[in-house]
């Protein structure tokens, strides 16, 4: 069961949904219907970097129901960020 967290704890905007599944695994939940494109991928990478600055050994993934551009999938995978489709 994922535990919701306060994004302000990491210095992120309050509208960002972050969940913690265990001690070092965090999930950024993106709830929208439109496609996630490269520009969104760069913003996700910034959010992940902010979380990892607070918790260096954190593993961060993204949960979404939206389709993800193939270029963005490769970009996020190259940076060790997994996508979970919900």
PDB file of N, CA and C in Angstrom:
ATOM      1  N   UNK A   1       0.846  -1.182   0.000  1.00  0.00           N
ATOM      2  CA  UNK A   1       0.000   0.000   0.000  1.00  0.00           C
ATOM      3  C   UNK A   1       0.887   1.240   0.000  1.00  0.00           C
ATOM      4  N   UNK A   2       0.672   2.110  -0.956  1.00  0.00           N
ATOM      5  CA  UNK A   2       1.473   3.324  -1.041  1.00  0.00           C
ATOM      6  C   UNK A   2       0.963   4.370  -0.067  1.00  0.00           C
ATOM      7  N   UNK A   3       1.890   4.962   0.646  1.00  0.00           N
ATOM      8  CA  UNK A   3       1.598   5.996   1.638  1.00  0.00           C
ATOM      9  C   UNK A   3       1.803   7.367   1.016  1.00  0.00           C
ATOM     10  N   UNK A   4       0.750   8.228   0.973  1.00  0.00           N
ATOM     11  CA  UNK A   4       0.953   9.573   0.411  1.00  0.00           C
ATOM     12  C   UNK A   4       1.875  10.413   1.283  1.00  0.00           C
ATOM     13  N   UNK A   5       2.705  11.220   0.637  1.00  0.00           N
ATOM     14  CA  UNK A   5       3.651  12.090   1.334  1.00  0.00           C
ATOM     15  C   UNK A   5       3.383  13.544   0.996  1.00  0.00           C
ATOM     16  N   UNK A   6       3.841  14.426   1.864  1.00  0.00           N
ATOM     17  CA  UNK A   6       3.742  15.858   1.625  1.00  0.00           C
ATOM     18  C   UNK A   6       4.905  16.274   0.721  1.00  0.00           C
ATOM     19  N   UNK A   7       4.630  16.787  -0.483  1.00  0.00           N
ATOM     20  CA  UNK A   7       5.719  17.168  -1.396  1.00  0.00           C
ATOM     21  C   UNK A   7       6.569  18.323  -0.868  1.00  0.00           C
ATOM     22  N   UNK A   8       6.021  19.109   0.051  1.00  0.00           N
ATOM     23  CA  UNK A   8       6.786  20.222   0.621  1.00  0.00           C
ATOM     24  C   UNK A   8       7.993  19.700   1.401  1.00  0.00           C
ATOM     25  N   UNK A   9       7.907  18.456   1.867  1.00  0.00           N
ATOM     26  CA  UNK A   9       9.015  17.823   2.593  1.00  0.00           C
ATOM     27  C   UNK A   9      10.281  17.763   1.722  1.00  0.00           C
ATOM     28  N   UNK A  10      10.070  17.670   0.409  1.00  0.00           N
ATOM     29  CA  UNK A  10      11.182  17.599  -0.537  1.00  0.00           C
ATOM     30  C   UNK A  10      11.449  18.932  -1.227  1.00  0.00           C
ATOM     31  N   UNK A  11      10.648  19.945  -0.921  1.00  0.00           N
ATOM     32  CA  UNK A  11      10.799  21.238  -1.560  1.00  0.00           C
ATOM     33  C   UNK A  11      10.105  21.312  -2.906  1.00  0.00           C
ATOM     34  N   UNK A  12       9.088  20.460  -3.118  1.00  0.00           N
ATOM     35  CA  UNK A  12       8.345  20.448  -4.372  1.00  0.00           C
ATOM     36  C   UNK A  12       7.006  21.160  -4.208  1.00  0.00           C
ATOM     37  N   UNK A  13       6.378  21.481  -5.321  1.00  0.00           N
ATOM     38  CA  UNK A  13       5.086  22.169  -5.327  1.00  0.00           C
ATOM     39  C   UNK A  13       4.018  21.280  -4.659  1.00  0.00           C
ATOM     40  N   UNK A  14       3.111  21.877  -3.884  1.00  0.00           N
ATOM     41  CA  UNK A  14       2.103  21.098  -3.152  1.00  0.00           C
ATOM     42  C   UNK A  14       1.145  20.282  -4.034  1.00  0.00           C
ATOM     43  N   UNK A  15       1.014  20.619  -5.315  1.00  0.00           N
ATOM     44  CA  UNK A  15       0.081  19.879  -6.173  1.00  0.00           C
ATOM     45  C   UNK A  15       0.665  18.561  -6.697  1.00  0.00           C
ATOM     46  N   UNK A  16       1.947  18.321  -6.491  1.00  0.00           N
ATOM     47  CA  UNK A  16       2.589  17.095  -6.954  1.00  0.00           C
ATOM     48  C   UNK A  16       2.228  15.963  -5.991  1.00  0.00           C
ATOM     49  N   UNK A  17       1.816  14.838  -6.569  1.00  0.00           N
ATOM     50  CA  UNK A  17       1.430  13.687  -5.747  1.00  0.00           C
ATOM     51  C   UNK A  17       2.608  12.722  -5.639  1.00  0.00           C
ATOM     52  N   UNK A  18       3.080  12.535  -4.405  1.00  0.00           N
ATOM     53  CA  UNK A  18       4.188  11.623  -4.150  1.00  0.00           C
ATOM     54  C   UNK A  18       3.714  10.575  -3.154  1.00  0.00           C
ATOM     55  N   UNK A  19       4.048   9.326  -3.447  1.00  0.00           N
ATOM     56  CA  UNK A  19       3.701   8.223  -2.565  1.00  0.00           C
ATOM     57  C   UNK A  19       4.965   7.449  -2.229  1.00  0.00           C
ATOM     58  N   UNK A  20       4.952   6.812  -1.071  1.00  0.00           N
ATOM     59  CA  UNK A  20       6.097   6.003  -0.646  1.00  0.00           C
ATOM     60  C   UNK A  20       5.617   4.575  -0.484  1.00  0.00           C
ATOM     61  N   UNK A  21       6.232   3.644  -1.218  1.00  0.00           N
ATOM     62  CA  UNK A  21       5.820   2.245  -1.126  1.00  0.00           C
ATOM     63  C   UNK A  21       6.649   1.465  -0.105  1.00  0.00           C
ATOM     64  N   UNK A  22       7.907   1.830   0.066  1.00  0.00           N
ATOM     65  CA  UNK A  22       8.723   1.293   1.164  1.00  0.00           C
ATOM     66  C   UNK A  22       9.764   2.345   1.545  1.00  0.00           C
ATOM     67  N   UNK A  23      10.751   1.972   2.321  1.00  0.00           N
ATOM     68  CA  UNK A  23      11.696   2.966   2.856  1.00  0.00           C
ATOM     69  C   UNK A  23      12.431   3.772   1.793  1.00  0.00           C
ATOM     70  N   UNK A  24      12.762   3.156   0.669  1.00  0.00           N
ATOM     71  CA  UNK A  24      13.558   3.868  -0.332  1.00  0.00           C
ATOM     72  C   UNK A  24      12.867   3.998  -1.684  1.00  0.00           C
ATOM     73  N   UNK A  25      11.651   3.482  -1.830  1.00  0.00           N
ATOM     74  CA  UNK A  25      10.964   3.554  -3.123  1.00  0.00           C
ATOM     75  C   UNK A  25       9.847   4.587  -3.069  1.00  0.00           C
ATOM     76  N   UNK A  26       9.930   5.574  -3.961  1.00  0.00           N
ATOM     77  CA  UNK A  26       8.955   6.650  -4.041  1.00  0.00           C
ATOM     78  C   UNK A  26       8.314   6.643  -5.426  1.00  0.00           C
ATOM     79  N   UNK A  27       7.050   7.022  -5.477  1.00  0.00           N
ATOM     80  CA  UNK A  27       6.294   7.041  -6.727  1.00  0.00           C
ATOM     81  C   UNK A  27       5.720   8.436  -6.930  1.00  0.00           C
ATOM     82  N   UNK A  28       5.983   9.015  -8.098  1.00  0.00           N
ATOM     83  CA  UNK A  28       5.359  10.274  -8.481  1.00  0.00           C
ATOM     84  C   UNK A  28       4.140   9.905  -9.316  1.00  0.00           C
ATOM     85  N   UNK A  29       2.953  10.263  -8.846  1.00  0.00           N
ATOM     86  CA  UNK A  29       1.715   9.923  -9.545  1.00  0.00           C
ATOM     87  C   UNK A  29       1.284  11.094 -10.427  1.00  0.00           C
ATOM     88  N   UNK A  30       1.083  10.803 -11.719  1.00  0.00           N
ATOM     89  CA  UNK A  30       0.635  11.813 -12.678  1.00  0.00           C
ATOM     90  C   UNK A  30      -0.750  11.397 -13.152  1.00  0.00           C
ATOM     91  N   UNK A  31      -1.747  12.191 -12.787  1.00  0.00           N
ATOM     92  CA  UNK A  31      -3.125  11.876 -13.146  1.00  0.00           C
ATOM     93  C   UNK A  31      -3.619  12.841 -14.216  1.00  0.00           C
ATOM     94  N   UNK A  32      -3.558  12.383 -15.453  1.00  0.00           N
ATOM     95  CA  UNK A  32      -4.075  13.150 -16.577  1.00  0.00           C
ATOM     96  C   UNK A  32      -4.285  12.203 -17.738  1.00  0.00           C
ATOM     97  N   UNK A  33      -4.978  12.689 -18.766  1.00  0.00           N
ATOM     98  CA  UNK A  33      -5.280  11.844 -19.917  1.00  0.00           C
ATOM     99  C   UNK A  33      -4.389  12.126 -21.119  1.00  0.00           C
ATOM    100  N   UNK A  34      -3.805  13.327 -21.171  1.00  0.00           N
ATOM    101  CA  UNK A  34      -2.995  13.689 -22.337  1.00  0.00           C
ATOM    102  C   UNK A  34      -1.622  13.015 -22.270  1.00  0.00           C
ATOM    103  N   UNK A  35      -1.019  12.843 -23.424  1.00  0.00           N
ATOM    104  CA  UNK A  35       0.264  12.159 -23.558  1.00  0.00           C
ATOM    105  C   UNK A  35       1.368  12.876 -22.786  1.00  0.00           C
ATOM    106  N   UNK A  36       2.258  12.081 -22.216  1.00  0.00           N
ATOM    107  CA  UNK A  36       3.440  12.623 -21.542  1.00  0.00           C
ATOM    108  C   UNK A  36       4.541  12.703 -22.595  1.00  0.00           C
ATOM    109  N   UNK A  37       5.008  13.923 -22.849  1.00  0.00           N
ATOM    110  CA  UNK A  37       6.003  14.151 -23.900  1.00  0.00           C
ATOM    111  C   UNK A  37       7.363  14.485 -23.278  1.00  0.00           C
ATOM    112  N   UNK A  38       8.329  14.747 -24.134  1.00  0.00           N
ATOM    113  CA  UNK A  38       9.706  14.973 -23.687  1.00  0.00           C
ATOM    114  C   UNK A  38       9.818  16.133 -22.698  1.00  0.00           C
ATOM    115  N   UNK A  39       9.094  17.205 -22.929  1.00  0.00           N
ATOM    116  CA  UNK A  39       9.127  18.357 -22.019  1.00  0.00           C
ATOM    117  C   UNK A  39       8.678  17.926 -20.611  1.00  0.00           C
ATOM    118  N   UNK A  40       7.659  17.063 -20.551  1.00  0.00           N
ATOM    119  CA  UNK A  40       7.206  16.530 -19.265  1.00  0.00           C
ATOM    120  C   UNK A  40       8.281  15.632 -18.648  1.00  0.00           C
ATOM    121  N   UNK A  41       8.968  14.869 -19.488  1.00  0.00           N
ATOM    122  CA  UNK A  41      10.035  13.993 -19.007  1.00  0.00           C
ATOM    123  C   UNK A  41      11.157  14.769 -18.346  1.00  0.00           C
ATOM    124  N   UNK A  42      11.482  15.923 -18.906  1.00  0.00           N
ATOM    125  CA  UNK A  42      12.522  16.769 -18.313  1.00  0.00           C
ATOM    126  C   UNK A  42      12.071  17.306 -16.957  1.00  0.00           C
ATOM    127  N   UNK A  43      10.794  17.661 -16.847  1.00  0.00           N
ATOM    128  CA  UNK A  43      10.263  18.134 -15.565  1.00  0.00           C
ATOM    129  C   UNK A  43      10.237  17.009 -14.541  1.00  0.00           C
ATOM    130  N   UNK A  44       9.909  15.799 -14.986  1.00  0.00           N
ATOM    131  CA  UNK A  44       9.917  14.638 -14.084  1.00  0.00           C
ATOM    132  C   UNK A  44      11.324  14.401 -13.575  1.00  0.00           C
ATOM    133  N   UNK A  45      12.320  14.505 -14.457  1.00  0.00           N
ATOM    134  CA  UNK A  45      13.716  14.314 -14.058  1.00  0.00           C
ATOM    135  C   UNK A  45      14.129  15.346 -13.001  1.00  0.00           C
ATOM    136  N   UNK A  46      13.671  16.587 -13.145  1.00  0.00           N
ATOM    137  CA  UNK A  46      13.956  17.614 -12.140  1.00  0.00           C
ATOM    138  C   UNK A  46      13.354  17.246 -10.789  1.00  0.00           C
ATOM    139  N   UNK A  47      12.127  16.721 -10.803  1.00  0.00           N
ATOM    140  CA  UNK A  47      11.464  16.326  -9.549  1.00  0.00           C
ATOM    141  C   UNK A  47      12.200  15.159  -8.899  1.00  0.00           C
ATOM    142  N   UNK A  48      12.615  14.199  -9.712  1.00  0.00           N
ATOM    143  CA  UNK A  48      13.360  13.046  -9.193  1.00  0.00           C
ATOM    144  C   UNK A  48      14.687  13.505  -8.594  1.00  0.00           C
ATOM    145  N   UNK A  49      15.362  14.434  -9.248  1.00  0.00           N
ATOM    146  CA  UNK A  49      16.635  14.956  -8.737  1.00  0.00           C
ATOM    147  C   UNK A  49      16.439  15.647  -7.395  1.00  0.00           C
ATOM    148  N   UNK A  50      15.320  16.360  -7.242  1.00  0.00           N
ATOM    149  CA  UNK A  50      15.025  17.028  -5.980  1.00  0.00           C
ATOM    150  C   UNK A  50      14.790  16.015  -4.866  1.00  0.00           C
ATOM    151  N   UNK A  51      14.073  14.938  -5.178  1.00  0.00           N
ATOM    152  CA  UNK A  51      13.831  13.885  -4.181  1.00  0.00           C
ATOM    153  C   UNK A  51      15.136  13.210  -3.804  1.00  0.00           C
ATOM    154  N   UNK A  52      15.976  12.906  -4.812  1.00  0.00           N
ATOM    155  CA  UNK A  52      17.248  12.233  -4.536  1.00  0.00           C
ATOM    156  C   UNK A  52      18.236  13.130  -3.801  1.00  0.00           C
ATOM    157  N   UNK A  53      18.060  14.443  -3.904  1.00  0.00           N
ATOM    158  CA  UNK A  53      18.913  15.349  -3.133  1.00  0.00           C
ATOM    159  C   UNK A  53      18.589  15.233  -1.644  1.00  0.00           C
ATOM    160  N   UNK A  54      17.329  14.979  -1.323  1.00  0.00           N
ATOM    161  CA  UNK A  54      16.921  14.811   0.076  1.00  0.00           C
ATOM    162  C   UNK A  54      17.241  13.416   0.596  1.00  0.00           C
ATOM    163  N   UNK A  55      17.016  12.411  -0.261  1.00  0.00           N
ATOM    164  CA  UNK A  55      17.257  11.007   0.117  1.00  0.00           C
ATOM    165  C   UNK A  55      18.112  10.383  -0.985  1.00  0.00           C
ATOM    166  N   UNK A  56      19.431  10.375  -0.814  1.00  0.00           N
ATOM    167  CA  UNK A  56      20.344   9.939  -1.891  1.00  0.00           C
ATOM    168  C   UNK A  56      20.125   8.519  -2.405  1.00  0.00           C
ATOM    169  N   UNK A  57      19.705   7.581  -1.560  1.00  0.00           N
ATOM    170  CA  UNK A  57      19.537   6.200  -2.015  1.00  0.00           C
ATOM    171  C   UNK A  57      18.111   5.890  -2.458  1.00  0.00           C
ATOM    172  N   UNK A  58      17.311   6.915  -2.732  1.00  0.00           N
ATOM    173  CA  UNK A  58      15.918   6.740  -3.133  1.00  0.00           C
ATOM    174  C   UNK A  58      15.809   6.168  -4.547  1.00  0.00           C
ATOM    175  N   UNK A  59      14.815   5.313  -4.738  1.00  0.00           N
ATOM    176  CA  UNK A  59      14.456   4.796  -6.055  1.00  0.00           C
ATOM    177  C   UNK A  59      13.110   5.428  -6.380  1.00  0.00           C
ATOM    178  N   UNK A  60      13.049   6.149  -7.495  1.00  0.00           N
ATOM    179  CA  UNK A  60      11.832   6.886  -7.837  1.00  0.00           C
ATOM    180  C   UNK A  60      11.283   6.371  -9.160  1.00  0.00           C
ATOM    181  N   UNK A  61       9.972   6.141  -9.195  1.00  0.00           N
ATOM    182  CA  UNK A  61       9.303   5.760 -10.429  1.00  0.00           C
ATOM    183  C   UNK A  61       8.093   6.661 -10.633  1.00  0.00           C
ATOM    184  N   UNK A  62       7.474   6.538 -11.798  1.00  0.00           N
ATOM    185  CA  UNK A  62       6.320   7.353 -12.147  1.00  0.00           C
ATOM    186  C   UNK A  62       5.144   6.430 -12.406  1.00  0.00           C
ATOM    187  N   UNK A  63       3.992   6.747 -11.808  1.00  0.00           N
ATOM    188  CA  UNK A  63       2.762   5.995 -12.054  1.00  0.00           C
ATOM    189  C   UNK A  63       1.799   6.893 -12.813  1.00  0.00           C
ATOM    190  N   UNK A  64       1.277   6.387 -13.927  1.00  0.00           N
ATOM    191  CA  UNK A  64       0.366   7.177 -14.747  1.00  0.00           C
ATOM    192  C   UNK A  64      -0.533   6.261 -15.564  1.00  0.00           C
ATOM    193  N   UNK A  65      -1.661   6.793 -15.969  1.00  0.00           N
ATOM    194  CA  UNK A  65      -2.541   6.090 -16.893  1.00  0.00           C
ATOM    195  C   UNK A  65      -2.430   6.699 -18.288  1.00  0.00           C
ATOM    196  N   UNK A  66      -1.716   7.811 -18.398  1.00  0.00           N
ATOM    197  CA  UNK A  66      -1.564   8.513 -19.669  1.00  0.00           C
ATOM    198  C   UNK A  66      -0.543   7.796 -20.557  1.00  0.00           C
ATOM    199  N   UNK A  67      -0.719   7.893 -21.866  1.00  0.00           N
ATOM    200  CA  UNK A  67       0.305   7.328 -22.754  1.00  0.00           C
ATOM    201  C   UNK A  67       1.593   8.138 -22.659  1.00  0.00           C
ATOM    202  N   UNK A  68       2.714   7.443 -22.823  1.00  0.00           N
ATOM    203  CA  UNK A  68       4.019   8.097 -22.724  1.00  0.00           C
ATOM    204  C   UNK A  68       4.729   7.968 -24.066  1.00  0.00           C
ATOM    205  N   UNK A  69       5.237   9.065 -24.559  1.00  0.00           N
ATOM    206  CA  UNK A  69       5.988   9.114 -25.812  1.00  0.00           C
ATOM    207  C   UNK A  69       7.179   8.149 -25.726  1.00  0.00           C
ATOM    208  N   UNK A  70       7.477   7.437 -26.813  1.00  0.00           N
ATOM    209  CA  UNK A  70       8.556   6.450 -26.800  1.00  0.00           C
ATOM    210  C   UNK A  70       9.910   7.099 -26.528  1.00  0.00           C
ATOM    211  N   UNK A  71      10.131   8.292 -27.043  1.00  0.00           N
ATOM    212  CA  UNK A  71      11.382   9.009 -26.797  1.00  0.00           C
ATOM    213  C   UNK A  71      11.511   9.346 -25.312  1.00  0.00           C
ATOM    214  N   UNK A  72      10.403   9.715 -24.695  1.00  0.00           N
ATOM    215  CA  UNK A  72      10.403  10.039 -23.270  1.00  0.00           C
ATOM    216  C   UNK A  72      10.641   8.784 -22.436  1.00  0.00           C
ATOM    217  N   UNK A  73      10.056   7.658 -22.855  1.00  0.00           N
ATOM    218  CA  UNK A  73      10.297   6.393 -22.144  1.00  0.00           C
ATOM    219  C   UNK A  73      11.786   6.061 -22.113  1.00  0.00           C
ATOM    220  N   UNK A  74      12.450   6.199 -23.256  1.00  0.00           N
ATOM    221  CA  UNK A  74      13.887   5.922 -23.327  1.00  0.00           C
ATOM    222  C   UNK A  74      14.681   6.904 -22.477  1.00  0.00           C
ATOM    223  N   UNK A  75      14.304   8.175 -22.525  1.00  0.00           N
ATOM    224  CA  UNK A  75      14.979   9.213 -21.745  1.00  0.00           C
ATOM    225  C   UNK A  75      14.889   8.898 -20.249  1.00  0.00           C
ATOM    226  N   UNK A  76      13.689   8.578 -19.778  1.00  0.00           N
ATOM    227  CA  UNK A  76      13.514   8.277 -18.351  1.00  0.00           C
ATOM    228  C   UNK A  76      14.226   6.982 -17.964  1.00  0.00           C
ATOM    229  N   UNK A  77      14.176   5.979 -18.838  1.00  0.00           N
ATOM    230  CA  UNK A  77      14.858   4.706 -18.563  1.00  0.00           C
ATOM    231  C   UNK A  77      16.370   4.906 -18.481  1.00  0.00           C
ATOM    232  N   UNK A  78      16.923   5.769 -19.330  1.00  0.00           N
ATOM    233  CA  UNK A  78      18.359   6.058 -19.292  1.00  0.00           C
ATOM    234  C   UNK A  78      18.774   6.695 -17.969  1.00  0.00           C
ATOM    235  N   UNK A  79      17.832   7.380 -17.322  1.00  0.00           N
ATOM    236  CA  UNK A  79      18.112   8.013 -16.035  1.00  0.00           C
ATOM    237  C   UNK A  79      17.626   7.166 -14.852  1.00  0.00           C
ATOM    238  N   UNK A  80      17.239   5.901 -15.115  1.00  0.00           N
ATOM    239  CA  UNK A  80      16.863   4.984 -14.053  1.00  0.00           C
ATOM    240  C   UNK A  80      15.481   5.226 -13.455  1.00  0.00           C
ATOM    241  N   UNK A  81      14.586   5.830 -14.233  1.00  0.00           N
ATOM    242  CA  UNK A  81      13.237   6.111 -13.757  1.00  0.00           C
ATOM    243  C   UNK A  81      12.274   5.183 -14.483  1.00  0.00           C
ATOM    244  N   UNK A  82      11.579   4.350 -13.718  1.00  0.00           N
ATOM    245  CA  UNK A  82      10.626   3.412 -14.303  1.00  0.00           C
ATOM    246  C   UNK A  82       9.237   4.011 -14.411  1.00  0.00           C
ATOM    247  N   UNK A  83       8.448   3.471 -15.337  1.00  0.00           N
ATOM    248  CA  UNK A  83       7.058   3.901 -15.533  1.00  0.00           C
ATOM    249  C   UNK A  83       6.150   2.760 -15.123  1.00  0.00           C
ATOM    250  N   UNK A  84       5.179   3.043 -14.268  1.00  0.00           N
ATOM    251  CA  UNK A  84       4.163   2.072 -13.862  1.00  0.00           C
ATOM    252  C   UNK A  84       2.835   2.559 -14.416  1.00  0.00           C
ATOM    253  N   UNK A  85       2.179   1.719 -15.193  1.00  0.00           N
ATOM    254  CA  UNK A  85       0.882   2.109 -15.741  1.00  0.00           C
ATOM    255  C   UNK A  85      -0.220   1.649 -14.794  1.00  0.00           C
ATOM    256  N   UNK A  86      -1.072   2.598 -14.421  1.00  0.00           N
ATOM    257  CA  UNK A  86      -2.144   2.266 -13.481  1.00  0.00           C
ATOM    258  C   UNK A  86      -3.499   2.466 -14.107  1.00  0.00           C
TER     259      UNK A  86
END
